[in-house]
Protein backbone atom coordinates (compact mmCIF):
# COMPACT_ATOMS: atom_id res chain seq x y z
CA MET A 1 -59.21 127.71 -86.46
CA ILE A 2 -57.75 124.30 -87.05
CA ASN A 3 -54.09 123.34 -86.91
CA THR A 4 -53.65 122.13 -90.48
CA ASN A 5 -49.89 121.59 -90.33
CA ASN A 6 -49.59 117.89 -89.46
CA ILE A 7 -52.66 116.50 -91.15
CA VAL A 8 -52.38 113.22 -93.02
CA TRP A 9 -54.46 113.11 -96.19
CA GLN A 10 -55.78 109.90 -97.70
CA ASP A 11 -57.18 108.87 -101.03
CA LEU A 12 -60.94 109.33 -101.42
CA SER A 13 -61.28 105.56 -101.87
CA LEU A 14 -61.01 105.28 -98.06
CA ILE A 15 -64.26 107.19 -97.59
CA ASN A 16 -65.95 104.10 -96.12
CA THR A 17 -64.02 104.77 -92.90
CA ALA A 18 -66.08 107.95 -92.40
CA PRO A 19 -69.52 107.90 -90.75
CA LYS A 20 -72.38 107.65 -93.27
CA ASN A 21 -73.75 111.11 -92.40
CA ILE A 22 -70.46 112.80 -93.37
CA GLN A 23 -69.75 110.74 -96.51
CA GLN A 24 -72.23 112.76 -98.58
CA TRP A 25 -70.24 115.91 -97.79
CA LEU A 26 -66.81 114.38 -98.36
CA ASP A 27 -67.65 112.81 -101.71
CA ASP A 28 -69.71 115.61 -103.29
CA LYS A 29 -67.99 116.96 -106.39
CA THR A 30 -70.42 119.86 -106.85
CA SER A 31 -70.05 123.35 -105.38
CA LEU A 32 -70.05 123.27 -101.59
CA THR A 33 -71.15 126.91 -101.62
CA ALA A 34 -74.22 126.10 -103.71
CA LYS A 35 -75.08 123.12 -101.51
CA LEU A 36 -74.81 125.21 -98.33
CA LYS A 37 -76.95 127.97 -99.84
CA GLN A 38 -79.65 125.36 -100.51
CA GLN A 39 -79.46 123.94 -97.00
CA PHE A 40 -79.36 127.21 -95.03
CA GLU A 41 -81.68 130.18 -95.35
CA ASP A 42 -78.87 132.49 -94.21
CA PHE A 43 -75.45 131.67 -95.70
CA SER A 44 -72.36 133.86 -95.37
CA VAL A 45 -68.58 133.80 -95.41
CA HIS A 46 -66.52 135.07 -92.49
CA VAL A 47 -62.92 135.75 -93.57
CA LEU A 48 -60.61 134.83 -90.69
CA SER A 49 -57.43 135.78 -92.53
CA GLN A 50 -56.05 136.33 -95.99
CA GLN A 51 -52.34 137.01 -96.10
CA GLN A 52 -49.12 136.12 -97.80
CA ALA A 53 -47.55 133.18 -96.03
CA GLN A 54 -45.66 129.97 -96.65
CA PRO A 55 -47.87 126.88 -97.08
CA HIS A 56 -47.29 123.68 -95.13
CA SER A 57 -44.97 121.18 -96.83
CA HIS A 58 -47.86 118.76 -97.52
CA GLU A 59 -49.73 121.59 -99.25
CA ILE A 60 -46.83 122.61 -101.50
CA GLU A 61 -46.63 119.04 -102.83
CA SER A 62 -50.10 119.49 -104.40
CA ILE A 63 -49.91 122.95 -105.97
CA SER A 64 -47.93 125.07 -108.42
CA ILE A 65 -44.55 126.23 -107.18
CA SER A 66 -44.37 129.97 -106.67
CA ASP A 67 -42.23 132.50 -104.85
CA GLN A 68 -45.26 133.85 -103.00
CA TYR A 69 -48.54 132.40 -101.77
CA THR A 70 -51.69 133.78 -100.24
CA ILE A 71 -53.32 131.69 -97.54
CA ARG A 72 -57.04 132.38 -97.16
CA GLU A 73 -58.86 130.96 -94.14
CA VAL A 74 -62.61 131.37 -93.79
CA GLU A 75 -65.62 130.06 -91.93
CA LEU A 76 -68.71 129.25 -93.93
CA LEU A 77 -71.71 130.14 -91.81
CA GLY A 78 -75.14 128.55 -92.03
CA ASN A 79 -77.77 130.51 -90.10
CA GLY A 80 -74.98 132.26 -88.20
CA VAL A 81 -73.17 129.05 -87.15
CA ALA A 82 -69.76 128.00 -88.50
CA VAL A 83 -70.43 124.77 -90.41
CA VAL A 84 -67.23 124.63 -92.51
CA PHE A 85 -63.68 125.85 -91.99
CA ALA A 86 -61.87 126.33 -95.31
CA ARG A 87 -58.20 126.95 -96.03
CA SER A 88 -57.09 127.88 -99.52
CA VAL A 89 -53.48 128.05 -100.68
CA ILE A 90 -53.22 130.31 -103.70
CA PRO A 91 -49.91 130.73 -105.54
CA LEU A 92 -49.47 134.34 -106.62
CA THR A 93 -49.39 134.25 -110.42
CA ASN A 94 -51.06 136.13 -113.26
CA ASP A 95 -53.70 133.35 -113.30
CA THR A 96 -54.78 134.00 -109.69
CA LYS A 97 -54.63 137.81 -109.38
CA GLU A 98 -58.38 138.21 -109.89
CA ILE A 99 -59.49 135.86 -107.12
CA LEU A 100 -57.42 137.58 -104.45
CA SER A 101 -59.78 140.54 -104.35
CA ILE A 102 -63.00 138.63 -103.62
CA GLY A 103 -63.28 139.74 -100.00
CA SER A 104 -66.10 137.88 -98.26
CA LYS A 105 -67.46 136.44 -101.51
CA PRO A 106 -67.27 132.61 -101.56
CA LEU A 107 -64.29 131.28 -103.49
CA GLY A 108 -66.50 128.39 -104.62
CA GLU A 109 -68.66 130.76 -106.67
CA ILE A 110 -65.63 131.64 -108.77
CA LEU A 111 -64.21 128.13 -109.03
CA PHE A 112 -67.48 126.48 -110.08
CA ASN A 113 -68.83 129.25 -112.33
CA ASP A 114 -65.89 129.19 -114.73
CA ALA A 115 -65.89 126.14 -117.01
CA SER A 116 -62.18 126.59 -117.76
CA ILE A 117 -61.25 125.88 -114.12
CA GLN A 118 -60.57 122.18 -113.59
CA ARG A 119 -60.90 120.35 -110.28
CA GLY A 120 -58.34 117.69 -109.35
CA GLN A 121 -58.80 114.53 -107.31
CA MET A 122 -60.14 114.80 -103.78
CA GLN A 123 -58.47 113.53 -100.64
CA ILE A 124 -59.99 113.12 -97.17
CA THR A 125 -58.75 113.36 -93.61
CA GLN A 126 -59.88 113.20 -90.01
CA THR A 127 -58.33 115.43 -87.38
CA ASP A 128 -59.65 115.38 -83.84
CA ASN A 129 -63.44 115.17 -84.34
CA LEU A 130 -63.46 116.88 -87.73
CA TRP A 131 -63.60 115.31 -91.15
CA GLY A 132 -62.19 117.20 -94.11
CA ARG A 133 -61.50 117.03 -97.80
CA ARG A 134 -59.20 118.84 -100.16
CA SER A 135 -58.64 119.16 -103.87
CA THR A 136 -56.72 121.25 -106.32
CA PHE A 137 -58.23 123.62 -108.84
CA THR A 138 -56.33 124.57 -111.97
CA ILE A 139 -56.72 128.12 -113.24
CA GLY A 140 -54.77 128.61 -116.44
CA ASN A 141 -51.37 127.10 -115.63
CA THR A 142 -51.70 127.48 -111.85
CA LYS A 143 -52.90 124.91 -109.32
CA LEU A 144 -54.33 126.15 -106.05
CA LEU A 145 -55.45 124.01 -103.11
CA VAL A 146 -58.75 124.20 -101.21
CA SER A 147 -59.20 122.29 -97.96
CA GLU A 148 -62.59 122.13 -96.25
CA PHE A 149 -63.34 120.85 -92.75
CA PHE A 150 -66.92 120.03 -91.78
CA THR A 151 -68.14 120.78 -88.25
CA LYS A 152 -70.70 118.64 -86.46
CA ASP A 153 -73.16 121.53 -86.76
CA LEU A 154 -73.34 120.67 -90.45
CA TYR A 155 -74.07 116.97 -90.34
CA ALA A 156 -75.06 116.00 -86.79
């Protein structure tokens, strides 16, 4: 897992600071799940944790205010290797009840297969040797936050 507490996020316009081989992953507005399924013969989701917890202060700034949140952390595996670490912050509201029971199903399949769900602007970051991106998704009146960190096994 990655320590996501003290990460500094930047506007996507700074993408030119990232290596060329990672830029295509950072700036892709399509479903990451679909892209990974195309790239890897064997794609799966390994749920590391999904529990009620308090988001980091930088995460709360981007999402809907709620009394309770679920934090979902997963590894996306390509041919058995972790290629993406994802952290989702989901406010507990009537709008998000359905997605909390997805188990090891990719969250991206839900977010990109429902035309009523709107994606917000993306931001990027670099922490240690990992590059990441994050964006909000609006379901009904609720904004949730999805952060994705790409391992070198994905783009090296």
